[in-house]
Amino acid sequence: MSNFFITGTGTEVGKTLISAAICHQLTMAGKVVQPLKPVLSGFEENNVDSSDSGILLSSIGSKITKENFLKVTPWCFKAPLSPDMAAERENRSINFNKLIQFTLNKSDSADILIVEGVGGAMVPLDSKHTVMDWISNVDMPAILVAGSYLGTISHTLTTLEAMKSYGISIKGLIISESPESPVSLEELVITIRRYVSNLPIFVVPRLPDIPKNWEKAPDLISFLNL
């Protein structure tokens, strides 16, 4: 079974949108997809359906029940902070070894495992580990999601360099258009390509702000050869 880890240059850059779009397109192609969002902060109990985990369940046609939610997201925190801080607010912590074990405990019936990280690639999970350590320890190819906001070039190139230093295999870069983009997407891609000429780059234009907008995403599975 193929495994992929979706991370981002920061928070709110479109990781869940891209993750849901990939899961949906694979499901429509007849694949059995197992999505995971092991760690979630900023969770509101009254908005389970619109939570990242709820969206991932919807993208594969699964019912959003408490049981299904916990299968996708065992570490869930209320505060919209980095996981280490959010957990501390609740006198809890994330056991890094258990997180690794959970991420690698994939279903035998699934064709593809899609793991969505939390926040940006260097967000702390506990006092010693970041999302980058998580990706490195599960040894999965990573898909990096970036926005098109002012500053994204530096954030993207810095994240890519850090991922390389961790020995992480990078499947591709997906740029999800931000609400306000200072330059065209074409110009942004041209600039980034000057520094990472061999990296596959795909652009997802801004999608309408409607429920299940991930269904409207362009063909990502062909780009990723999934």
N, C-alpha and C. Protein backbone atom coordinates (compact mmCIF):
# COMPACT_ATOMS: atom_id res chain seq x y z
N MET A 1 0.84 -1.19 0.00
CA MET A 1 0.00 0.00 0.00
C MET A 1 0.88 1.24 0.00
N SER A 2 0.48 2.25 -0.75
CA SER A 2 1.22 3.51 -0.79
C SER A 2 0.88 4.35 0.44
N ASN A 3 1.86 5.10 0.91
CA ASN A 3 1.67 5.99 2.04
C ASN A 3 2.18 7.37 1.67
N PHE A 4 1.44 8.42 2.04
CA PHE A 4 1.89 9.78 1.79
C PHE A 4 1.55 10.67 2.97
N PHE A 5 2.46 11.59 3.27
CA PHE A 5 2.28 12.51 4.39
C PHE A 5 2.15 13.92 3.82
N ILE A 6 1.04 14.57 4.13
CA ILE A 6 0.79 15.92 3.62
C ILE A 6 1.07 16.93 4.73
N THR A 7 2.04 17.80 4.48
CA THR A 7 2.38 18.83 5.44
C THR A 7 2.34 20.19 4.75
N GLY A 8 2.59 21.25 5.52
CA GLY A 8 2.49 22.58 4.95
C GLY A 8 3.61 23.49 5.39
N THR A 9 3.71 24.63 4.73
CA THR A 9 4.70 25.63 5.11
C THR A 9 4.25 26.39 6.35
N GLY A 10 2.99 26.26 6.71
CA GLY A 10 2.43 26.92 7.88
C GLY A 10 1.00 26.48 8.06
N THR A 11 0.30 27.13 8.98
CA THR A 11 -1.10 26.79 9.19
C THR A 11 -1.98 27.56 8.21
N GLU A 12 -3.16 27.03 7.93
CA GLU A 12 -4.13 27.69 7.05
C GLU A 12 -3.61 27.92 5.63
N VAL A 13 -2.80 27.01 5.13
CA VAL A 13 -2.32 27.15 3.75
C VAL A 13 -3.08 26.24 2.78
N GLY A 14 -3.95 25.37 3.32
CA GLY A 14 -4.75 24.53 2.44
C GLY A 14 -4.47 23.04 2.55
N LYS A 15 -3.84 22.60 3.64
CA LYS A 15 -3.52 21.17 3.78
C LYS A 15 -4.77 20.30 3.73
N THR A 16 -5.80 20.69 4.48
CA THR A 16 -7.01 19.86 4.54
C THR A 16 -7.73 19.86 3.20
N LEU A 17 -7.78 21.00 2.54
CA LEU A 17 -8.39 21.08 1.22
C LEU A 17 -7.71 20.12 0.26
N ILE A 18 -6.39 20.16 0.23
CA ILE A 18 -5.62 19.30 -0.67
C ILE A 18 -5.76 17.84 -0.26
N SER A 19 -5.68 17.56 1.03
CA SER A 19 -5.82 16.18 1.52
C SER A 19 -7.18 15.61 1.14
N ALA A 20 -8.23 16.40 1.36
CA ALA A 20 -9.59 15.95 1.04
C ALA A 20 -9.76 15.75 -0.47
N ALA A 21 -9.19 16.65 -1.26
CA ALA A 21 -9.30 16.53 -2.71
C ALA A 21 -8.62 15.25 -3.20
N ILE A 22 -7.45 14.96 -2.67
CA ILE A 22 -6.73 13.74 -3.06
C ILE A 22 -7.51 12.50 -2.65
N CYS A 23 -8.01 12.49 -1.40
CA CYS A 23 -8.79 11.34 -0.92
C CYS A 23 -10.04 11.14 -1.76
N HIS A 24 -10.72 12.23 -2.08
CA HIS A 24 -11.95 12.15 -2.88
C HIS A 24 -11.66 11.62 -4.28
N GLN A 25 -10.64 12.15 -4.92
CA GLN A 25 -10.32 11.73 -6.28
C GLN A 25 -9.87 10.27 -6.33
N LEU A 26 -9.13 9.84 -5.33
CA LEU A 26 -8.72 8.43 -5.27
C LEU A 26 -9.93 7.52 -5.05
N THR A 27 -10.85 7.96 -4.18
CA THR A 27 -12.06 7.18 -3.92
C THR A 27 -12.90 7.06 -5.18
N MET A 28 -13.04 8.16 -5.91
CA MET A 28 -13.80 8.15 -7.16
C MET A 28 -13.12 7.26 -8.21
N ALA A 29 -11.82 7.08 -8.08
CA ALA A 29 -11.07 6.22 -9.01
C ALA A 29 -11.12 4.75 -8.60
N GLY A 30 -11.86 4.46 -7.53
CA GLY A 30 -12.04 3.08 -7.10
C GLY A 30 -11.04 2.58 -6.08
N LYS A 31 -10.23 3.48 -5.54
CA LYS A 31 -9.25 3.09 -4.53
C LYS A 31 -9.88 3.14 -3.14
N VAL A 32 -9.40 2.26 -2.27
CA VAL A 32 -9.81 2.29 -0.86
C VAL A 32 -8.78 3.14 -0.12
N VAL A 33 -9.23 4.29 0.36
CA VAL A 33 -8.33 5.27 0.97
C VAL A 33 -8.51 5.30 2.48
N GLN A 34 -7.41 5.33 3.19
CA GLN A 34 -7.44 5.49 4.64
C GLN A 34 -6.83 6.84 4.99
N PRO A 35 -7.67 7.85 5.31
CA PRO A 35 -7.12 9.14 5.71
C PRO A 35 -6.88 9.19 7.21
N LEU A 36 -5.82 9.85 7.61
CA LEU A 36 -5.53 10.05 9.03
C LEU A 36 -5.22 11.52 9.27
N LYS A 37 -5.74 12.04 10.35
CA LYS A 37 -5.38 13.37 10.86
C LYS A 37 -5.10 13.14 12.35
N PRO A 38 -3.96 12.50 12.66
CA PRO A 38 -3.73 12.02 14.02
C PRO A 38 -3.78 13.08 15.10
N VAL A 39 -3.36 14.31 14.76
CA VAL A 39 -3.32 15.39 15.75
C VAL A 39 -4.12 16.57 15.24
N LEU A 40 -5.03 17.07 16.07
CA LEU A 40 -5.88 18.19 15.69
C LEU A 40 -5.97 19.16 16.86
N SER A 41 -5.68 20.43 16.62
CA SER A 41 -5.88 21.46 17.63
C SER A 41 -6.91 22.46 17.10
N GLY A 42 -7.49 23.23 18.00
CA GLY A 42 -8.55 24.16 17.60
C GLY A 42 -9.86 23.46 17.32
N PHE A 43 -10.09 22.32 17.98
CA PHE A 43 -11.30 21.53 17.72
C PHE A 43 -12.49 22.09 18.49
N GLU A 44 -13.61 22.24 17.80
CA GLU A 44 -14.86 22.69 18.41
C GLU A 44 -15.87 21.56 18.33
N GLU A 45 -16.33 21.09 19.48
CA GLU A 45 -17.22 19.93 19.53
C GLU A 45 -18.52 20.14 18.77
N ASN A 46 -18.96 21.40 18.65
CA ASN A 46 -20.21 21.69 17.95
C ASN A 46 -20.03 21.76 16.43
N ASN A 47 -18.79 21.67 15.97
CA ASN A 47 -18.52 21.77 14.53
C ASN A 47 -17.71 20.58 14.03
N VAL A 48 -18.14 19.39 14.42
CA VAL A 48 -17.40 18.18 14.04
C VAL A 48 -17.37 18.02 12.52
N ASP A 49 -18.51 18.27 11.87
CA ASP A 49 -18.59 18.06 10.42
C ASP A 49 -17.60 18.93 9.65
N SER A 50 -17.38 20.16 10.15
CA SER A 50 -16.50 21.08 9.44
C SER A 50 -15.06 21.04 9.95
N SER A 51 -14.79 20.15 10.90
CA SER A 51 -13.41 19.99 11.38
C SER A 51 -12.57 19.32 10.30
N ASP A 52 -11.27 19.44 10.42
CA ASP A 52 -10.39 18.80 9.44
C ASP A 52 -10.68 17.31 9.32
N SER A 53 -10.86 16.67 10.48
CA SER A 53 -11.11 15.22 10.49
C SER A 53 -12.46 14.89 9.87
N GLY A 54 -13.46 15.72 10.15
CA GLY A 54 -14.78 15.51 9.56
C GLY A 54 -14.75 15.65 8.05
N ILE A 55 -13.98 16.63 7.57
CA ILE A 55 -13.84 16.83 6.13
C ILE A 55 -13.17 15.63 5.47
N LEU A 56 -12.15 15.10 6.10
CA LEU A 56 -11.46 13.93 5.54
C LEU A 56 -12.38 12.72 5.48
N LEU A 57 -13.19 12.53 6.52
CA LEU A 57 -14.15 11.43 6.51
C LEU A 57 -15.16 11.61 5.38
N SER A 58 -15.64 12.84 5.22
CA SER A 58 -16.60 13.12 4.14
C SER A 58 -16.00 12.86 2.77
N SER A 59 -14.71 13.15 2.63
CA SER A 59 -14.07 13.03 1.32
C SER A 59 -14.00 11.59 0.81
N ILE A 60 -14.10 10.62 1.73
CA ILE A 60 -14.10 9.21 1.30
C ILE A 60 -15.49 8.58 1.47
N GLY A 61 -16.47 9.42 1.78
CA GLY A 61 -17.85 8.94 1.89
C GLY A 61 -18.16 8.23 3.19
N SER A 62 -17.37 8.46 4.23
CA SER A 62 -17.62 7.82 5.52
C SER A 62 -18.52 8.69 6.39
N LYS A 63 -19.31 8.05 7.23
CA LYS A 63 -20.16 8.78 8.17
C LYS A 63 -19.28 9.41 9.25
N ILE A 64 -19.69 10.61 9.67
CA ILE A 64 -18.93 11.30 10.71
C ILE A 64 -19.51 10.93 12.07
N THR A 65 -19.07 9.80 12.59
CA THR A 65 -19.48 9.33 13.91
C THR A 65 -18.30 9.50 14.87
N LYS A 66 -18.58 9.42 16.16
CA LYS A 66 -17.50 9.54 17.15
C LYS A 66 -16.47 8.44 16.95
N GLU A 67 -16.95 7.23 16.66
CA GLU A 67 -16.05 6.10 16.45
C GLU A 67 -15.13 6.34 15.25
N ASN A 68 -15.72 6.77 14.13
CA ASN A 68 -14.91 7.03 12.94
C ASN A 68 -13.95 8.20 13.16
N PHE A 69 -14.43 9.22 13.88
CA PHE A 69 -13.60 10.39 14.17
C PHE A 69 -12.35 9.97 14.93
N LEU A 70 -12.53 9.16 15.97
CA LEU A 70 -11.40 8.74 16.80
C LEU A 70 -10.44 7.81 16.05
N LYS A 71 -10.94 7.10 15.05
CA LYS A 71 -10.06 6.27 14.23
C LYS A 71 -9.12 7.13 13.39
N VAL A 72 -9.59 8.33 13.06
CA VAL A 72 -8.80 9.25 12.26
C VAL A 72 -7.95 10.16 13.14
N THR A 73 -8.53 10.59 14.26
CA THR A 73 -7.90 11.61 15.11
C THR A 73 -7.95 11.24 16.59
N PRO A 74 -6.96 10.52 17.09
CA PRO A 74 -6.96 10.18 18.52
C PRO A 74 -6.46 11.29 19.43
N TRP A 75 -5.66 12.22 18.90
CA TRP A 75 -5.16 13.34 19.70
C TRP A 75 -5.87 14.63 19.26
N CYS A 76 -6.80 15.07 20.08
CA CYS A 76 -7.66 16.19 19.72
C CYS A 76 -7.66 17.21 20.86
N PHE A 77 -7.42 18.49 20.53
CA PHE A 77 -7.31 19.53 21.55
C PHE A 77 -8.15 20.75 21.16
N LYS A 78 -8.63 21.46 22.15
CA LYS A 78 -9.55 22.58 21.90
C LYS A 78 -8.83 23.87 21.49
N ALA A 79 -7.74 24.17 22.14
CA ALA A 79 -7.07 25.45 21.89
C ALA A 79 -6.47 25.51 20.49
N PRO A 80 -6.68 26.61 19.75
CA PRO A 80 -6.10 26.75 18.41
C PRO A 80 -4.64 27.18 18.48
N LEU A 81 -3.83 26.30 19.03
CA LEU A 81 -2.41 26.58 19.24
C LEU A 81 -1.58 25.43 18.70
N SER A 82 -0.26 25.55 18.78
CA SER A 82 0.58 24.42 18.41
C SER A 82 0.23 23.26 19.33
N PRO A 83 0.34 22.02 18.85
CA PRO A 83 -0.11 20.87 19.64
C PRO A 83 0.49 20.77 21.03
N ASP A 84 1.77 21.13 21.17
CA ASP A 84 2.39 21.05 22.50
C ASP A 84 1.71 22.00 23.48
N MET A 85 1.41 23.23 23.02
CA MET A 85 0.74 24.21 23.87
C MET A 85 -0.72 23.85 24.12
N ALA A 86 -1.39 23.39 23.06
CA ALA A 86 -2.81 23.01 23.19
C ALA A 86 -2.96 21.85 24.16
N ALA A 87 -2.05 20.89 24.09
CA ALA A 87 -2.10 19.75 25.00
C ALA A 87 -1.84 20.18 26.44
N GLU A 88 -0.89 21.09 26.61
CA GLU A 88 -0.55 21.56 27.95
C GLU A 88 -1.73 22.26 28.61
N ARG A 89 -2.54 22.97 27.82
CA ARG A 89 -3.73 23.65 28.35
C ARG A 89 -4.70 22.66 28.98
N GLU A 90 -4.64 21.41 28.53
CA GLU A 90 -5.56 20.38 29.03
C GLU A 90 -4.84 19.37 29.93
N ASN A 91 -3.64 19.75 30.37
CA ASN A 91 -2.82 18.86 31.21
C ASN A 91 -2.62 17.49 30.55
N ARG A 92 -2.40 17.53 29.25
CA ARG A 92 -2.16 16.32 28.47
C ARG A 92 -0.86 16.47 27.70
N SER A 93 -0.50 15.42 27.00
CA SER A 93 0.69 15.47 26.16
C SER A 93 0.53 14.46 25.04
N ILE A 94 1.34 14.62 24.01
CA ILE A 94 1.36 13.67 22.90
C ILE A 94 2.55 12.74 23.09
N ASN A 95 2.27 11.46 23.22
CA ASN A 95 3.34 10.47 23.32
C ASN A 95 3.87 10.22 21.91
N PHE A 96 5.09 10.68 21.65
CA PHE A 96 5.63 10.64 20.30
C PHE A 96 5.73 9.21 19.76
N ASN A 97 6.16 8.29 20.59
CA ASN A 97 6.28 6.89 20.13
C ASN A 97 4.92 6.30 19.77
N LYS A 98 3.90 6.63 20.57
CA LYS A 98 2.56 6.14 20.26
C LYS A 98 2.01 6.79 18.99
N LEU A 99 2.38 8.05 18.77
CA LEU A 99 1.98 8.74 17.54
C LEU A 99 2.57 8.04 16.32
N ILE A 100 3.83 7.68 16.41
CA ILE A 100 4.48 6.97 15.30
C ILE A 100 3.80 5.62 15.07
N GLN A 101 3.54 4.89 16.14
CA GLN A 101 2.90 3.58 16.03
C GLN A 101 1.52 3.70 15.40
N PHE A 102 0.75 4.71 15.83
CA PHE A 102 -0.59 4.90 15.28
C PHE A 102 -0.52 5.21 13.79
N THR A 103 0.39 6.07 13.41
CA THR A 103 0.51 6.47 12.00
C THR A 103 0.88 5.29 11.11
N LEU A 104 1.68 4.38 11.64
CA LEU A 104 2.13 3.23 10.85
C LEU A 104 1.17 2.04 10.92
N ASN A 105 0.16 2.13 11.78
CA ASN A 105 -0.79 1.02 11.95
C ASN A 105 -1.91 1.13 10.92
N LYS A 106 -1.57 0.84 9.68
CA LYS A 106 -2.52 1.04 8.59
C LYS A 106 -3.40 -0.19 8.38
N SER A 107 -4.55 0.06 7.82
CA SER A 107 -5.52 -1.01 7.57
C SER A 107 -5.05 -1.90 6.42
N ASP A 108 -5.23 -3.19 6.56
CA ASP A 108 -4.86 -4.13 5.49
C ASP A 108 -5.76 -3.98 4.27
N SER A 109 -6.96 -3.43 4.48
CA SER A 109 -7.93 -3.33 3.38
C SER A 109 -7.72 -2.08 2.53
N ALA A 110 -6.89 -1.15 3.00
CA ALA A 110 -6.72 0.12 2.28
C ALA A 110 -5.65 0.01 1.19
N ASP A 111 -5.90 0.71 0.08
CA ASP A 111 -4.92 0.77 -1.00
C ASP A 111 -3.89 1.87 -0.74
N ILE A 112 -4.37 2.97 -0.18
CA ILE A 112 -3.52 4.15 0.00
C ILE A 112 -3.79 4.78 1.37
N LEU A 113 -2.72 5.14 2.06
CA LEU A 113 -2.81 5.84 3.33
C LEU A 113 -2.40 7.29 3.12
N ILE A 114 -3.28 8.22 3.47
CA ILE A 114 -3.00 9.65 3.37
C ILE A 114 -2.99 10.23 4.77
N VAL A 115 -1.84 10.71 5.21
CA VAL A 115 -1.71 11.29 6.55
C VAL A 115 -1.59 12.80 6.43
N GLU A 116 -2.48 13.52 7.09
CA GLU A 116 -2.37 14.98 7.12
C GLU A 116 -1.75 15.39 8.44
N GLY A 117 -0.71 16.21 8.37
CA GLY A 117 -0.05 16.69 9.56
C GLY A 117 -0.86 17.78 10.25
N VAL A 118 -0.21 18.51 11.12
CA VAL A 118 -0.86 19.59 11.87
C VAL A 118 0.01 20.83 11.77
N GLY A 119 -0.60 21.97 11.45
CA GLY A 119 0.17 23.20 11.32
C GLY A 119 1.24 23.11 10.26
N GLY A 120 2.33 23.84 10.48
CA GLY A 120 3.44 23.79 9.55
C GLY A 120 4.40 22.66 9.85
N ALA A 121 5.36 22.46 8.98
CA ALA A 121 6.25 21.31 9.08
C ALA A 121 7.18 21.35 10.29
N MET A 122 7.39 22.52 10.88
CA MET A 122 8.26 22.62 12.05
C MET A 122 7.48 22.94 13.32
N VAL A 123 6.19 22.70 13.32
CA VAL A 123 5.37 22.94 14.51
C VAL A 123 5.73 21.92 15.60
N PRO A 124 5.91 22.36 16.85
CA PRO A 124 6.23 21.43 17.94
C PRO A 124 5.06 20.52 18.30
N LEU A 125 5.38 19.26 18.52
CA LEU A 125 4.40 18.29 19.00
C LEU A 125 4.52 18.09 20.50
N ASP A 126 5.74 18.19 20.99
CA ASP A 126 6.02 18.09 22.42
C ASP A 126 7.28 18.90 22.68
N SER A 127 7.96 18.66 23.79
CA SER A 127 9.13 19.47 24.14
C SER A 127 10.36 19.14 23.29
N LYS A 128 10.32 18.06 22.52
CA LYS A 128 11.49 17.64 21.77
C LYS A 128 11.25 17.42 20.28
N HIS A 129 10.01 17.15 19.89
CA HIS A 129 9.74 16.72 18.52
C HIS A 129 8.84 17.70 17.77
N THR A 130 9.10 17.83 16.48
CA THR A 130 8.26 18.64 15.59
C THR A 130 7.59 17.73 14.56
N VAL A 131 6.75 18.32 13.73
CA VAL A 131 6.11 17.56 12.65
C VAL A 131 7.18 16.96 11.73
N MET A 132 8.27 17.69 11.54
CA MET A 132 9.36 17.19 10.69
C MET A 132 9.93 15.88 11.24
N ASP A 133 10.07 15.80 12.57
CA ASP A 133 10.54 14.55 13.19
C ASP A 133 9.54 13.43 12.95
N TRP A 134 8.29 13.77 13.02
CA TRP A 134 7.20 12.81 12.78
C TRP A 134 7.31 12.22 11.38
N ILE A 135 7.42 13.10 10.38
CA ILE A 135 7.53 12.63 8.99
C ILE A 135 8.76 11.75 8.81
N SER A 136 9.87 12.19 9.37
CA SER A 136 11.13 11.45 9.23
C SER A 136 11.04 10.07 9.86
N ASN A 137 10.37 9.97 11.00
CA ASN A 137 10.29 8.69 11.71
C ASN A 137 9.35 7.70 11.05
N VAL A 138 8.30 8.18 10.38
CA VAL A 138 7.40 7.24 9.71
C VAL A 138 7.89 6.93 8.30
N ASP A 139 8.89 7.70 7.84
CA ASP A 139 9.57 7.43 6.56
C ASP A 139 8.58 7.34 5.40
N MET A 140 7.73 8.37 5.28
CA MET A 140 6.78 8.44 4.17
C MET A 140 7.16 9.57 3.22
N PRO A 141 6.92 9.41 1.92
CA PRO A 141 7.11 10.54 1.00
C PRO A 141 6.16 11.67 1.40
N ALA A 142 6.66 12.89 1.36
CA ALA A 142 5.86 14.04 1.78
C ALA A 142 5.38 14.86 0.60
N ILE A 143 4.18 15.38 0.74
CA ILE A 143 3.63 16.35 -0.20
C ILE A 143 3.55 17.67 0.55
N LEU A 144 4.24 18.69 0.06
CA LEU A 144 4.26 19.98 0.74
C LEU A 144 3.23 20.91 0.13
N VAL A 145 2.38 21.49 0.98
CA VAL A 145 1.37 22.45 0.55
C VAL A 145 1.81 23.85 0.97
N ALA A 146 1.76 24.77 0.02
CA ALA A 146 2.12 26.16 0.30
C ALA A 146 1.01 27.07 -0.21
N GLY A 147 0.96 28.29 0.32
CA GLY A 147 0.01 29.28 -0.16
C GLY A 147 0.67 30.17 -1.19
N SER A 148 -0.06 31.23 -1.60
CA SER A 148 0.49 32.17 -2.57
C SER A 148 0.54 33.59 -1.99
N TYR A 149 0.48 33.69 -0.67
CA TYR A 149 0.49 34.97 0.04
C TYR A 149 1.88 35.60 -0.01
N LEU A 150 1.97 36.87 0.38
CA LEU A 150 3.26 37.56 0.45
C LEU A 150 4.14 36.88 1.49
N GLY A 151 5.31 36.44 1.11
CA GLY A 151 6.22 35.75 2.01
C GLY A 151 6.31 34.26 1.77
N THR A 152 5.45 33.76 0.90
CA THR A 152 5.41 32.30 0.70
C THR A 152 6.68 31.75 0.05
N ILE A 153 7.36 32.54 -0.75
CA ILE A 153 8.57 32.04 -1.40
C ILE A 153 9.62 31.67 -0.36
N SER A 154 9.87 32.58 0.58
CA SER A 154 10.83 32.30 1.64
C SER A 154 10.38 31.12 2.50
N HIS A 155 9.10 31.10 2.88
CA HIS A 155 8.58 30.01 3.71
C HIS A 155 8.71 28.66 2.99
N THR A 156 8.40 28.66 1.71
CA THR A 156 8.43 27.42 0.93
C THR A 156 9.85 26.89 0.76
N LEU A 157 10.76 27.76 0.34
CA LEU A 157 12.14 27.33 0.12
C LEU A 157 12.81 26.91 1.43
N THR A 158 12.50 27.62 2.51
CA THR A 158 13.06 27.26 3.82
C THR A 158 12.57 25.89 4.26
N THR A 159 11.27 25.65 4.08
CA THR A 159 10.70 24.35 4.46
C THR A 159 11.29 23.22 3.63
N LEU A 160 11.44 23.44 2.34
CA LEU A 160 12.02 22.42 1.47
C LEU A 160 13.45 22.09 1.87
N GLU A 161 14.23 23.11 2.21
CA GLU A 161 15.61 22.87 2.64
C GLU A 161 15.65 22.09 3.95
N ALA A 162 14.75 22.44 4.87
CA ALA A 162 14.70 21.71 6.14
C ALA A 162 14.31 20.26 5.93
N MET A 163 13.36 20.02 5.04
CA MET A 163 12.93 18.65 4.76
C MET A 163 14.08 17.83 4.18
N LYS A 164 14.85 18.44 3.31
CA LYS A 164 16.01 17.75 2.73
C LYS A 164 17.02 17.41 3.82
N SER A 165 17.22 18.33 4.76
CA SER A 165 18.20 18.08 5.83
C SER A 165 17.76 16.94 6.73
N TYR A 166 16.45 16.68 6.79
CA TYR A 166 15.92 15.57 7.57
C TYR A 166 15.89 14.27 6.77
N GLY A 167 16.29 14.33 5.51
CA GLY A 167 16.28 13.15 4.66
C GLY A 167 14.90 12.74 4.21
N ILE A 168 13.96 13.68 4.18
CA ILE A 168 12.58 13.38 3.80
C ILE A 168 12.44 13.40 2.28
N SER A 169 11.82 12.37 1.74
CA SER A 169 11.54 12.30 0.31
C SER A 169 10.35 13.20 -0.01
N ILE A 170 10.52 14.12 -0.96
CA ILE A 170 9.46 15.07 -1.29
C ILE A 170 8.81 14.67 -2.60
N LYS A 171 7.55 14.28 -2.52
CA LYS A 171 6.80 13.83 -3.70
C LYS A 171 6.48 14.98 -4.63
N GLY A 172 6.16 16.13 -4.07
CA GLY A 172 5.82 17.28 -4.89
C GLY A 172 5.40 18.46 -4.04
N LEU A 173 5.35 19.62 -4.67
CA LEU A 173 4.89 20.86 -4.04
C LEU A 173 3.57 21.26 -4.67
N ILE A 174 2.57 21.50 -3.83
CA ILE A 174 1.27 21.96 -4.31
C ILE A 174 1.03 23.36 -3.76
N ILE A 175 0.83 24.32 -4.65
CA ILE A 175 0.55 25.69 -4.24
C ILE A 175 -0.96 25.90 -4.30
N SER A 176 -1.56 26.14 -3.14
CA SER A 176 -2.99 26.40 -3.04
C SER A 176 -3.18 27.91 -2.95
N GLU A 177 -3.86 28.48 -3.92
CA GLU A 177 -3.97 29.93 -4.01
C GLU A 177 -4.59 30.54 -2.75
N SER A 178 -3.93 31.53 -2.19
CA SER A 178 -4.40 32.22 -1.00
C SER A 178 -5.43 33.29 -1.37
N PRO A 179 -6.21 33.77 -0.38
CA PRO A 179 -7.22 34.81 -0.67
C PRO A 179 -6.62 36.05 -1.32
N GLU A 180 -5.42 36.44 -0.88
CA GLU A 180 -4.76 37.61 -1.46
C GLU A 180 -3.38 37.20 -1.95
N SER A 181 -3.18 37.26 -3.26
CA SER A 181 -1.90 36.88 -3.86
C SER A 181 -1.28 38.12 -4.50
N PRO A 182 -0.06 38.50 -4.08
CA PRO A 182 0.56 39.72 -4.62
C PRO A 182 1.03 39.59 -6.06
N VAL A 183 1.25 38.35 -6.52
CA VAL A 183 1.67 38.13 -7.91
C VAL A 183 0.85 36.99 -8.49
N SER A 184 0.93 36.81 -9.79
CA SER A 184 0.20 35.71 -10.42
C SER A 184 0.79 34.37 -9.99
N LEU A 185 -0.03 33.34 -10.06
CA LEU A 185 0.44 32.00 -9.72
C LEU A 185 1.56 31.56 -10.66
N GLU A 186 1.43 31.95 -11.93
CA GLU A 186 2.45 31.59 -12.91
C GLU A 186 3.81 32.19 -12.54
N GLU A 187 3.79 33.46 -12.15
CA GLU A 187 5.04 34.13 -11.78
C GLU A 187 5.64 33.51 -10.52
N LEU A 188 4.77 33.14 -9.59
CA LEU A 188 5.22 32.50 -8.35
C LEU A 188 5.92 31.18 -8.64
N VAL A 189 5.31 30.37 -9.50
CA VAL A 189 5.89 29.07 -9.85
C VAL A 189 7.23 29.25 -10.55
N ILE A 190 7.31 30.20 -11.46
CA ILE A 190 8.56 30.45 -12.19
C ILE A 190 9.68 30.80 -11.22
N THR A 191 9.36 31.62 -10.23
CA THR A 191 10.37 32.04 -9.25
C THR A 191 10.83 30.86 -8.41
N ILE A 192 9.90 30.06 -7.91
CA ILE A 192 10.26 28.92 -7.07
C ILE A 192 11.06 27.89 -7.86
N ARG A 193 10.69 27.69 -9.13
CA ARG A 193 11.38 26.71 -9.97
C ARG A 193 12.86 27.05 -10.16
N ARG A 194 13.21 28.31 -10.07
CA ARG A 194 14.61 28.70 -10.23
C ARG A 194 15.49 28.05 -9.16
N TYR A 195 14.89 27.74 -8.03
CA TYR A 195 15.65 27.20 -6.90
C TYR A 195 15.45 25.70 -6.71
N VAL A 196 14.35 25.17 -7.21
CA VAL A 196 14.06 23.72 -7.08
C VAL A 196 13.58 23.21 -8.43
N SER A 197 14.46 23.24 -9.39
CA SER A 197 14.08 22.95 -10.78
C SER A 197 13.58 21.53 -10.99
N ASN A 198 14.01 20.59 -10.16
CA ASN A 198 13.63 19.19 -10.36
C ASN A 198 12.39 18.77 -9.57
N LEU A 199 11.83 19.68 -8.80
CA LEU A 199 10.68 19.34 -7.96
C LEU A 199 9.37 19.54 -8.72
N PRO A 200 8.52 18.52 -8.79
CA PRO A 200 7.20 18.70 -9.41
C PRO A 200 6.38 19.74 -8.65
N ILE A 201 5.81 20.70 -9.37
CA ILE A 201 4.99 21.75 -8.75
C ILE A 201 3.63 21.79 -9.43
N PHE A 202 2.59 21.85 -8.62
CA PHE A 202 1.21 21.89 -9.13
C PHE A 202 0.49 23.04 -8.45
N VAL A 203 -0.38 23.71 -9.20
CA VAL A 203 -1.11 24.86 -8.68
C VAL A 203 -2.60 24.56 -8.60
N VAL A 204 -3.20 24.87 -7.46
CA VAL A 204 -4.64 24.75 -7.29
C VAL A 204 -5.21 26.16 -7.15
N PRO A 205 -5.93 26.65 -8.17
CA PRO A 205 -6.53 27.99 -8.08
C PRO A 205 -7.52 28.07 -6.93
N ARG A 206 -7.80 29.29 -6.49
CA ARG A 206 -8.74 29.50 -5.39
C ARG A 206 -10.09 28.88 -5.74
N LEU A 207 -10.59 28.02 -4.85
CA LEU A 207 -11.86 27.34 -5.08
C LEU A 207 -12.99 28.11 -4.40
N PRO A 208 -14.23 27.97 -4.89
CA PRO A 208 -15.36 28.69 -4.29
C PRO A 208 -15.54 28.31 -2.83
N ASP A 209 -15.97 29.28 -2.03
CA ASP A 209 -16.17 29.05 -0.60
C ASP A 209 -17.53 28.41 -0.37
N ILE A 210 -17.61 27.13 -0.69
CA ILE A 210 -18.85 26.37 -0.57
C ILE A 210 -18.54 25.04 0.11
N PRO A 211 -19.55 24.38 0.68
CA PRO A 211 -19.32 23.06 1.28
C PRO A 211 -18.75 22.08 0.24
N LYS A 212 -17.86 21.25 0.68
CA LYS A 212 -17.23 20.24 -0.18
C LYS A 212 -16.56 20.85 -1.41
N ASN A 213 -15.94 22.01 -1.24
CA ASN A 213 -15.28 22.63 -2.39
C ASN A 213 -14.10 21.80 -2.90
N TRP A 214 -13.63 20.87 -2.08
CA TRP A 214 -12.55 19.98 -2.51
C TRP A 214 -12.97 19.10 -3.69
N GLU A 215 -14.28 18.94 -3.89
CA GLU A 215 -14.75 18.18 -5.05
C GLU A 215 -14.46 18.92 -6.35
N LYS A 216 -14.22 20.23 -6.26
CA LYS A 216 -13.99 21.06 -7.45
C LYS A 216 -12.50 21.19 -7.79
N ALA A 217 -11.64 20.57 -7.02
CA ALA A 217 -10.20 20.71 -7.24
C ALA A 217 -9.77 20.06 -8.55
N PRO A 218 -8.73 20.59 -9.18
CA PRO A 218 -8.21 19.96 -10.41
C PRO A 218 -7.60 18.59 -10.11
N ASP A 219 -7.23 17.89 -11.16
CA ASP A 219 -6.74 16.51 -11.06
C ASP A 219 -5.38 16.45 -10.36
N LEU A 220 -5.41 16.07 -9.10
CA LEU A 220 -4.18 15.98 -8.32
C LEU A 220 -3.54 14.60 -8.40
N ILE A 221 -4.36 13.57 -8.57
CA ILE A 221 -3.81 12.21 -8.53
C ILE A 221 -2.97 11.90 -9.78
N SER A 222 -3.29 12.54 -10.89
CA SER A 222 -2.44 12.35 -12.07
C SER A 222 -1.09 13.05 -11.87
N PHE A 223 -1.14 14.25 -11.30
CA PHE A 223 0.10 14.99 -11.01
C PHE A 223 1.01 14.19 -10.08
N LEU A 224 0.41 13.54 -9.09
CA LEU A 224 1.18 12.80 -8.09
C LEU A 224 1.43 11.34 -8.49
N ASN A 225 0.88 10.94 -9.65
CA ASN A 225 1.02 9.56 -10.12
C ASN A 225 0.51 8.55 -9.10
N LEU A 226 -0.66 8.84 -8.56
CA LEU A 226 -1.26 7.94 -7.56
C LEU A 226 -2.22 6.97 -8.22
